[in-house]
Amino acid sequence: MTDIDKMAAELKQKRDELALQIKLGSMEANEEWNELEKKLNDFVAKAKVEETASGVSNALSTLGEELKKGYERLTKAL
């Protein structure tokens, strides 16, 4: 399992944990959740081509960190 695969698995797990809390969260949290879902879908799609495209790894890491920070913001907000 690559580092990107591990990060994707961790992000999906955090997403699942937050999904339950989001249902009880504010409208603002819901809006941020929707944005993070779009970014996660983008991350997962790009992760699939990471093995064949050089330079994508850095972009994926940046996007992964952005997702992680977004999930942390939501966790604090809830």
C-alpha atoms as a PDB file:
ATOM      1  CA  MET A   1       0.000   0.000   0.000  1.00  0.00           C
ATOM      2  CA  THR A   2       1.507   3.339  -1.025  1.00  0.00           C
ATOM      3  CA  ASP A   3       1.590   6.465   1.124  1.00  0.00           C
ATOM      4  CA  ILE A   4      -1.124   7.941  -1.093  1.00  0.00           C
ATOM      5  CA  ASP A   5      -3.295   4.846  -0.589  1.00  0.00           C
ATOM      6  CA  LYS A   6      -2.807   5.105   3.174  1.00  0.00           C
ATOM      7  CA  MET A   7      -3.703   8.795   3.123  1.00  0.00           C
ATOM      8  CA  ALA A   8      -6.815   8.074   1.046  1.00  0.00           C
ATOM      9  CA  ALA A   9      -7.900   5.378   3.529  1.00  0.00           C
ATOM     10  CA  GLU A  10      -7.340   7.715   6.495  1.00  0.00           C
ATOM     11  CA  LEU A  11      -9.282  10.502   4.799  1.00  0.00           C
ATOM     12  CA  LYS A  12     -12.190   8.187   4.007  1.00  0.00           C
ATOM     13  CA  GLN A  13     -12.268   6.978   7.622  1.00  0.00           C
ATOM     14  CA  LYS A  14     -12.273  10.551   8.950  1.00  0.00           C
ATOM     15  CA  ARG A  15     -15.016  11.418   6.439  1.00  0.00           C
ATOM     16  CA  ASP A  16     -17.160   8.541   7.672  1.00  0.00           C
ATOM     17  CA  GLU A  17     -16.696   9.601  11.297  1.00  0.00           C
ATOM     18  CA  LEU A  18     -17.644  13.186  10.500  1.00  0.00           C
ATOM     19  CA  ALA A  19     -20.630  12.208   8.355  1.00  0.00           C
ATOM     20  CA  LEU A  20     -22.629  11.293  11.429  1.00  0.00           C
ATOM     21  CA  GLN A  21     -21.709  14.509  13.210  1.00  0.00           C
ATOM     22  CA  ILE A  22     -22.435  16.633  10.136  1.00  0.00           C
ATOM     23  CA  LYS A  23     -26.066  15.586  10.136  1.00  0.00           C
ATOM     24  CA  LEU A  24     -26.399  17.396  13.443  1.00  0.00           C
ATOM     25  CA  GLY A  25     -24.151  20.295  12.462  1.00  0.00           C
ATOM     26  CA  SER A  26     -24.871  23.780  11.263  1.00  0.00           C
ATOM     27  CA  MET A  27     -25.595  24.910   7.719  1.00  0.00           C
ATOM     28  CA  GLU A  28     -22.077  26.343   7.530  1.00  0.00           C
ATOM     29  CA  ALA A  29     -20.584  22.983   8.398  1.00  0.00           C
ATOM     30  CA  ASN A  30     -22.768  21.373   5.734  1.00  0.00           C
ATOM     31  CA  GLU A  31     -21.474  23.773   3.102  1.00  0.00           C
ATOM     32  CA  GLU A  32     -17.874  23.067   4.033  1.00  0.00           C
ATOM     33  CA  TRP A  33     -18.658  19.337   4.053  1.00  0.00           C
ATOM     34  CA  ASN A  34     -19.946  19.547   0.470  1.00  0.00           C
ATOM     35  CA  GLU A  35     -16.772  21.339  -0.639  1.00  0.00           C
ATOM     36  CA  LEU A  36     -14.607  18.742   1.079  1.00  0.00           C
ATOM     37  CA  GLU A  37     -16.565  15.935  -0.582  1.00  0.00           C
ATOM     38  CA  LYS A  38     -15.801  17.451  -4.006  1.00  0.00           C
ATOM     39  CA  LYS A  39     -12.119  17.711  -3.108  1.00  0.00           C
ATOM     40  CA  LEU A  40     -12.033  14.143  -1.771  1.00  0.00           C
ATOM     41  CA  ASN A  41     -13.543  12.839  -5.001  1.00  0.00           C
ATOM     42  CA  ASP A  42     -10.886  14.806  -6.895  1.00  0.00           C
ATOM     43  CA  PHE A  43      -8.177  13.398  -4.622  1.00  0.00           C
ATOM     44  CA  VAL A  44      -9.328   9.802  -5.099  1.00  0.00           C
ATOM     45  CA  ALA A  45      -9.535  10.245  -8.873  1.00  0.00           C
ATOM     46  CA  LYS A  46      -6.049  11.744  -9.039  1.00  0.00           C
ATOM     47  CA  ALA A  47      -4.660   9.049  -6.733  1.00  0.00           C
ATOM     48  CA  LYS A  48      -5.586   6.440  -9.334  1.00  0.00           C
ATOM     49  CA  VAL A  49      -3.313   8.018 -11.909  1.00  0.00           C
ATOM     50  CA  GLU A  50      -0.557   8.923  -9.435  1.00  0.00           C
ATOM     51  CA  GLU A  51       1.515   5.906 -10.342  1.00  0.00           C
ATOM     52  CA  THR A  52       1.812   6.962 -13.982  1.00  0.00           C
ATOM     53  CA  ALA A  53       2.149  10.730 -13.686  1.00  0.00           C
ATOM     54  CA  SER A  54       5.256  12.317 -12.213  1.00  0.00           C
ATOM     55  CA  GLY A  55       4.718  15.407 -10.126  1.00  0.00           C
ATOM     56  CA  VAL A  56       1.172  14.412  -9.216  1.00  0.00           C
ATOM     57  CA  SER A  57       2.328  13.080  -5.867  1.00  0.00           C
ATOM     58  CA  ASN A  58       3.159  16.582  -4.604  1.00  0.00           C
ATOM     59  CA  ALA A  59      -0.191  17.918  -5.755  1.00  0.00           C
ATOM     60  CA  LEU A  60      -1.976  14.989  -4.117  1.00  0.00           C
ATOM     61  CA  SER A  61      -0.113  15.527  -0.871  1.00  0.00           C
ATOM     62  CA  THR A  62      -1.099  19.201  -0.888  1.00  0.00           C
ATOM     63  CA  LEU A  63      -4.719  18.333  -1.607  1.00  0.00           C
ATOM     64  CA  GLY A  64      -4.642  15.627   1.058  1.00  0.00           C
ATOM     65  CA  GLU A  65      -3.307  18.085   3.628  1.00  0.00           C
ATOM     66  CA  GLU A  66      -6.003  20.582   2.651  1.00  0.00           C
ATOM     67  CA  LEU A  67      -8.647  17.907   3.190  1.00  0.00           C
ATOM     68  CA  LYS A  68      -7.119  16.955   6.517  1.00  0.00           C
ATOM     69  CA  LYS A  69      -7.179  20.589   7.707  1.00  0.00           C
ATOM     70  CA  GLY A  70     -10.763  20.959   6.526  1.00  0.00           C
ATOM     71  CA  TYR A  71     -11.832  17.871   8.451  1.00  0.00           C
ATOM     72  CA  GLU A  72     -10.006  19.190  11.526  1.00  0.00           C
ATOM     73  CA  ARG A  73     -11.862  22.521  11.213  1.00  0.00           C
ATOM     74  CA  LEU A  74     -15.165  20.676  11.042  1.00  0.00           C
ATOM     75  CA  THR A  75     -14.253  18.522  14.029  1.00  0.00           C
ATOM     76  CA  LYS A  76     -13.510  21.650  16.067  1.00  0.00           C
ATOM     77  CA  ALA A  77     -16.720  23.324  14.858  1.00  0.00           C
ATOM     78  CA  LEU A  78     -18.805  20.380  15.980  1.00  0.00           C
END
